Amino acid sequence: MTEEKAYHELLDPYLQELRRGLIVMAVLSQLSEPQYGYSLIKQLDEKQFEVDQGTLYPLLRRLEERGLIGSDWVVDEPRPRKYYQINPTGEAILADLKKEWGSLVEVLEGVLS
């Protein structure tokens, strides 16, 4: 094993943990308009925030179970699709998460400098 590969194996779990904490905020922020899973993956990917299906779909189910988003099946397209959209509770949670994120960034900038 090369030194670089060993380093990345050490680093990757920390990067995954950091991203895991941000994915809820990233997903909620993209649901002001109805999105189905694949369109959401593409939209996030265009903004350099990669999410795979195995992560996204369970997250969408959890967000819906917790009352942050709603969904509707659209069956008048060639393929039935479940569209998700943020609701007022999700918007309030997102606003608070963004506020907390801003505070954390500010604090970390002081800690890391």
Protein backbone atom coordinates (compact mmCIF):
# COMPACT_ATOMS: atom_id res chain seq x y z
CA MET A 1 0.00 0.00 0.00
CA THR A 2 1.35 3.39 -0.95
CA GLU A 3 1.72 6.14 1.59
CA GLU A 4 -0.83 8.28 -0.27
CA LYS A 5 -3.40 5.47 -0.32
CA ALA A 6 -2.90 4.85 3.39
CA TYR A 7 -3.41 8.54 4.06
CA HIS A 8 -6.67 8.62 2.09
CA GLU A 9 -7.94 5.54 3.91
CA LEU A 10 -7.32 7.39 7.15
CA LEU A 11 -8.90 10.64 5.93
CA ASP A 12 -12.00 9.26 4.15
CA PRO A 13 -14.04 8.33 7.25
CA TYR A 14 -13.62 11.87 8.60
CA LEU A 15 -14.73 13.40 5.31
CA GLN A 16 -17.74 11.07 5.21
CA GLU A 17 -18.68 12.02 8.75
CA LEU A 18 -18.43 15.72 7.93
CA ARG A 19 -20.59 15.32 4.80
CA ARG A 20 -23.13 13.19 6.69
CA GLY A 21 -23.74 16.11 9.01
CA LEU A 22 -24.35 18.49 6.10
CA ILE A 23 -26.49 16.36 3.80
CA VAL A 24 -29.78 17.19 5.52
CA MET A 25 -29.17 20.88 5.04
CA ALA A 26 -28.10 20.37 1.42
CA VAL A 27 -31.15 18.26 0.56
CA LEU A 28 -33.68 20.50 2.31
CA SER A 29 -32.22 23.54 0.57
CA GLN A 30 -33.02 22.03 -2.84
CA LEU A 31 -36.65 21.13 -2.17
CA SER A 32 -38.36 24.51 -2.47
CA GLU A 33 -39.66 23.15 -5.77
CA PRO A 34 -40.86 19.53 -6.11
CA GLN A 35 -38.05 17.13 -6.97
CA TYR A 36 -37.92 13.38 -7.52
CA GLY A 37 -34.92 11.47 -6.27
CA TYR A 38 -32.85 11.31 -9.45
CA SER A 39 -33.47 14.98 -10.29
CA LEU A 40 -32.35 15.89 -6.78
CA ILE A 41 -29.17 13.83 -7.16
CA LYS A 42 -28.41 15.60 -10.46
CA GLN A 43 -29.17 19.04 -9.01
CA LEU A 44 -26.87 18.49 -6.04
CA ASP A 45 -24.19 17.00 -8.29
CA GLU A 46 -24.27 20.13 -10.48
CA LYS A 47 -23.45 22.08 -7.32
CA GLN A 48 -20.55 19.71 -6.51
CA PHE A 49 -22.39 18.02 -3.63
CA GLU A 50 -22.41 14.36 -4.57
CA VAL A 51 -25.00 12.08 -2.98
CA ASP A 52 -25.62 8.49 -4.01
CA GLN A 53 -29.01 6.84 -4.20
CA GLY A 54 -28.28 4.57 -1.26
CA THR A 55 -27.87 7.63 0.93
CA LEU A 56 -30.54 9.90 -0.54
CA TYR A 57 -33.62 7.69 -0.57
CA PRO A 58 -33.39 6.59 3.08
CA LEU A 59 -32.78 10.24 4.02
CA LEU A 60 -35.86 11.37 2.11
CA ARG A 61 -37.95 8.72 3.93
CA ARG A 62 -36.62 9.90 7.31
CA LEU A 63 -37.27 13.57 6.50
CA GLU A 64 -40.81 12.69 5.48
CA GLU A 65 -41.39 10.55 8.59
CA ARG A 66 -40.16 13.43 10.76
CA GLY A 67 -42.53 15.87 9.06
CA LEU A 68 -39.97 18.09 7.30
CA ILE A 69 -40.99 17.28 3.73
CA GLY A 70 -44.05 16.01 1.93
CA SER A 71 -44.35 13.84 -1.15
CA ASP A 72 -46.75 13.15 -3.97
CA TRP A 73 -46.76 10.44 -6.61
CA VAL A 74 -47.06 11.73 -10.17
CA VAL A 75 -48.35 8.97 -12.42
CA ASP A 76 -49.15 10.92 -15.59
CA GLU A 77 -45.55 10.74 -16.80
CA PRO A 78 -44.08 7.75 -18.67
CA ARG A 79 -42.80 6.46 -15.29
CA PRO A 80 -44.54 7.10 -11.98
CA ARG A 81 -42.33 9.29 -9.79
CA LYS A 82 -42.48 10.34 -6.19
CA TYR A 83 -41.87 14.07 -5.87
CA TYR A 84 -40.64 15.58 -2.60
CA GLN A 85 -41.00 19.17 -1.40
CA ILE A 86 -40.07 20.98 1.79
CA ASN A 87 -42.98 22.05 4.02
CA PRO A 88 -43.20 24.95 6.51
CA THR A 89 -41.75 22.83 9.34
CA GLY A 90 -38.83 21.84 7.12
CA GLU A 91 -38.30 25.47 6.11
CA ALA A 92 -38.11 26.49 9.78
CA ILE A 93 -35.67 23.67 10.55
CA LEU A 94 -33.57 24.59 7.52
CA ALA A 95 -33.43 28.23 8.60
CA ASP A 96 -32.23 27.20 12.06
CA LEU A 97 -29.67 24.77 10.61
CA LYS A 98 -28.32 27.51 8.34
CA LYS A 99 -28.06 29.89 11.28
CA GLU A 100 -26.22 27.26 13.34
CA TRP A 101 -23.96 26.46 10.38
CA GLY A 102 -23.03 30.15 10.07
CA SER A 103 -22.24 30.32 13.78
CA LEU A 104 -20.14 27.16 13.63
CA VAL A 105 -18.16 28.41 10.64
CA GLU A 106 -17.46 31.65 12.47
CA VAL A 107 -16.30 29.82 15.60
CA LEU A 108 -14.19 27.35 13.65
CA GLU A 109 -12.49 30.13 11.73
CA GLY A 110 -11.35 31.48 15.09
CA VAL A 111 -10.30 28.06 16.35
CA LEU A 112 -8.43 27.07 13.19
CA SER A 113 -6.55 30.34 12.68
